[in-house]
Amino acid sequence: MTQLISLDRAPPGKDTQLRIVINSVTGVLADGTSVNVTVPDSELKTVTPFDLAGGGSVAITMNFDLASSVHGADDMWTFRPVLGSIEIARASRPWPR
């Protein structure tokens, strides 16, 4: 999934972490059945230093390890996000304004 998260302008400089808040998760089983998924801790913090240059855009790609993040037992499903990788790069094109 690729999504533009924010158009806010950040000052140039070095950032040391990313914080992501996950409020809800919708689950669908292989047979098409929708399930309720609980998110016990909605904030995910990463220690990923990166530089923001002035006058440009930064593309941040986060890959979640879903096999390690989704836990199910009986009819109860839980999402505890586990990041597989993070890539941070200067965007090749600016986001639309």
C-alpha atoms as a PDB file:
ATOM      1  CA  MET A   1       0.000   0.000   0.000  1.00  0.00           C
ATOM      2  CA  THR A   2       1.273   3.446  -0.862  1.00  0.00           C
ATOM      3  CA  GLN A   3      -0.336   6.464   0.707  1.00  0.00           C
ATOM      4  CA  LEU A   4       0.493  10.124   1.044  1.00  0.00           C
ATOM      5  CA  ILE A   5       0.496  10.626   4.798  1.00  0.00           C
ATOM      6  CA  SER A   6       1.034  14.368   5.122  1.00  0.00           C
ATOM      7  CA  LEU A   7       1.690  17.471   3.098  1.00  0.00           C
ATOM      8  CA  ASP A   8       3.063  19.305   6.138  1.00  0.00           C
ATOM      9  CA  ARG A   9       6.346  21.032   5.604  1.00  0.00           C
ATOM     10  CA  ALA A  10       9.145  20.072   7.931  1.00  0.00           C
ATOM     11  CA  PRO A  11      12.245  22.192   8.365  1.00  0.00           C
ATOM     12  CA  PRO A  12      15.482  20.868   6.847  1.00  0.00           C
ATOM     13  CA  GLY A  13      17.672  18.905   9.224  1.00  0.00           C
ATOM     14  CA  LYS A  14      18.237  15.506  10.790  1.00  0.00           C
ATOM     15  CA  ASP A  15      15.325  13.499  12.185  1.00  0.00           C
ATOM     16  CA  THR A  16      15.954  10.527  14.441  1.00  0.00           C
ATOM     17  CA  GLN A  17      12.669   8.625  14.553  1.00  0.00           C
ATOM     18  CA  LEU A  18       9.301   8.000  12.977  1.00  0.00           C
ATOM     19  CA  ARG A  19       6.090   7.616  14.976  1.00  0.00           C
ATOM     20  CA  ILE A  20       3.108   5.937  13.415  1.00  0.00           C
ATOM     21  CA  VAL A  21      -0.327   5.719  15.006  1.00  0.00           C
ATOM     22  CA  ILE A  22      -2.563   2.855  13.898  1.00  0.00           C
ATOM     23  CA  ASN A  23      -6.123   3.401  15.105  1.00  0.00           C
ATOM     24  CA  SER A  24      -7.876   0.466  13.509  1.00  0.00           C
ATOM     25  CA  VAL A  25      -7.313  -2.581  11.341  1.00  0.00           C
ATOM     26  CA  THR A  26      -9.860  -4.379   9.191  1.00  0.00           C
ATOM     27  CA  GLY A  27      -9.310  -8.078   8.635  1.00  0.00           C
ATOM     28  CA  VAL A  28     -10.612 -10.367   5.895  1.00  0.00           C
ATOM     29  CA  LEU A  29     -10.028 -14.110   6.025  1.00  0.00           C
ATOM     30  CA  ALA A  30      -9.130 -16.198   2.964  1.00  0.00           C
ATOM     31  CA  ASP A  31     -12.803 -17.218   2.609  1.00  0.00           C
ATOM     32  CA  GLY A  32     -13.897 -13.541   2.465  1.00  0.00           C
ATOM     33  CA  THR A  33     -15.219 -13.366   6.035  1.00  0.00           C
ATOM     34  CA  SER A  34     -14.628 -10.004   7.748  1.00  0.00           C
ATOM     35  CA  VAL A  35     -13.184 -10.160  11.263  1.00  0.00           C
ATOM     36  CA  ASN A  36     -12.685  -7.626  14.041  1.00  0.00           C
ATOM     37  CA  VAL A  37      -9.032  -6.971  14.769  1.00  0.00           C
ATOM     38  CA  THR A  38      -7.876  -5.396  18.039  1.00  0.00           C
ATOM     39  CA  VAL A  39      -4.911  -3.008  18.088  1.00  0.00           C
ATOM     40  CA  PRO A  40      -3.636  -3.122  21.709  1.00  0.00           C
ATOM     41  CA  ASP A  41      -0.877  -0.509  21.324  1.00  0.00           C
ATOM     42  CA  SER A  42      -1.641   1.970  18.589  1.00  0.00           C
ATOM     43  CA  GLU A  43       1.725   3.786  18.524  1.00  0.00           C
ATOM     44  CA  LEU A  44       4.746   2.398  16.732  1.00  0.00           C
ATOM     45  CA  LYS A  45       8.109   4.167  17.111  1.00  0.00           C
ATOM     46  CA  THR A  46      11.179   3.529  15.029  1.00  0.00           C
ATOM     47  CA  VAL A  47      14.725   4.737  15.515  1.00  0.00           C
ATOM     48  CA  THR A  48      15.559   5.508  11.922  1.00  0.00           C
ATOM     49  CA  PRO A  49      17.796   8.564  11.450  1.00  0.00           C
ATOM     50  CA  PHE A  50      17.389  10.420   8.173  1.00  0.00           C
ATOM     51  CA  ASP A  51      18.097  13.857   6.732  1.00  0.00           C
ATOM     52  CA  LEU A  52      15.493  16.209   5.310  1.00  0.00           C
ATOM     53  CA  ALA A  53      16.857  18.473   2.607  1.00  0.00           C
ATOM     54  CA  GLY A  54      15.185  21.810   2.019  1.00  0.00           C
ATOM     55  CA  GLY A  55      12.872  22.247  -0.959  1.00  0.00           C
ATOM     56  CA  GLY A  56      12.235  18.594  -1.731  1.00  0.00           C
ATOM     57  CA  SER A  57      10.077  15.623  -0.930  1.00  0.00           C
ATOM     58  CA  VAL A  58      10.996  12.484   0.968  1.00  0.00           C
ATOM     59  CA  ALA A  59       9.494   9.070   0.193  1.00  0.00           C
ATOM     60  CA  ILE A  60       9.201   6.757   3.194  1.00  0.00           C
ATOM     61  CA  THR A  61       8.316   3.136   2.448  1.00  0.00           C
ATOM     62  CA  MET A  62       7.448   0.865   5.368  1.00  0.00           C
ATOM     63  CA  ASN A  63       6.985  -2.855   4.923  1.00  0.00           C
ATOM     64  CA  PHE A  64       5.117  -4.627   7.704  1.00  0.00           C
ATOM     65  CA  ASP A  65       5.836  -8.262   8.504  1.00  0.00           C
ATOM     66  CA  LEU A  66       2.194  -9.378   8.535  1.00  0.00           C
ATOM     67  CA  ALA A  67       3.009 -12.973   9.476  1.00  0.00           C
ATOM     68  CA  SER A  68       4.556 -11.662  12.713  1.00  0.00           C
ATOM     69  CA  SER A  69       2.047  -8.818  13.224  1.00  0.00           C
ATOM     70  CA  VAL A  70      -1.301 -10.622  13.040  1.00  0.00           C
ATOM     71  CA  HIS A  71      -2.223 -13.084  15.784  1.00  0.00           C
ATOM     72  CA  GLY A  72      -5.417 -15.107  15.926  1.00  0.00           C
ATOM     73  CA  ALA A  73      -6.969 -17.586  18.314  1.00  0.00           C
ATOM     74  CA  ASP A  74     -10.574 -18.750  18.095  1.00  0.00           C
ATOM     75  CA  ASP A  75     -12.530 -15.660  17.012  1.00  0.00           C
ATOM     76  CA  MET A  76     -10.101 -13.130  18.477  1.00  0.00           C
ATOM     77  CA  TRP A  77      -7.605 -11.357  16.206  1.00  0.00           C
ATOM     78  CA  THR A  78      -4.859  -8.947  17.306  1.00  0.00           C
ATOM     79  CA  PHE A  79      -2.568  -6.678  15.297  1.00  0.00           C
ATOM     80  CA  ARG A  80       0.807  -5.879  16.888  1.00  0.00           C
ATOM     81  CA  PRO A  81       2.766  -4.164  14.097  1.00  0.00           C
ATOM     82  CA  VAL A  82       6.216  -5.540  13.300  1.00  0.00           C
ATOM     83  CA  LEU A  83       8.210  -3.616  10.719  1.00  0.00           C
ATOM     84  CA  GLY A  84      10.060  -5.679   8.154  1.00  0.00           C
ATOM     85  CA  SER A  85      11.998  -2.793   6.597  1.00  0.00           C
ATOM     86  CA  ILE A  86      12.006   0.963   6.157  1.00  0.00           C
ATOM     87  CA  GLU A  87      13.345   2.772   3.104  1.00  0.00           C
ATOM     88  CA  ILE A  88      13.821   6.537   3.133  1.00  0.00           C
ATOM     89  CA  ALA A  89      14.788   8.316  -0.076  1.00  0.00           C
ATOM     90  CA  ARG A  90      14.456  11.654  -1.742  1.00  0.00           C
ATOM     91  CA  ALA A  91      11.308  11.438  -3.865  1.00  0.00           C
ATOM     92  CA  SER A  92      11.796  11.401  -7.615  1.00  0.00           C
ATOM     93  CA  ARG A  93       8.772  13.652  -8.051  1.00  0.00           C
ATOM     94  CA  PRO A  94       7.086  16.091  -5.699  1.00  0.00           C
ATOM     95  CA  TRP A  95       3.724  15.150  -4.220  1.00  0.00           C
ATOM     96  CA  PRO A  96       0.752  17.028  -5.695  1.00  0.00           C
ATOM     97  CA  ARG A  97      -0.243  20.112  -3.751  1.00  0.00           C
END
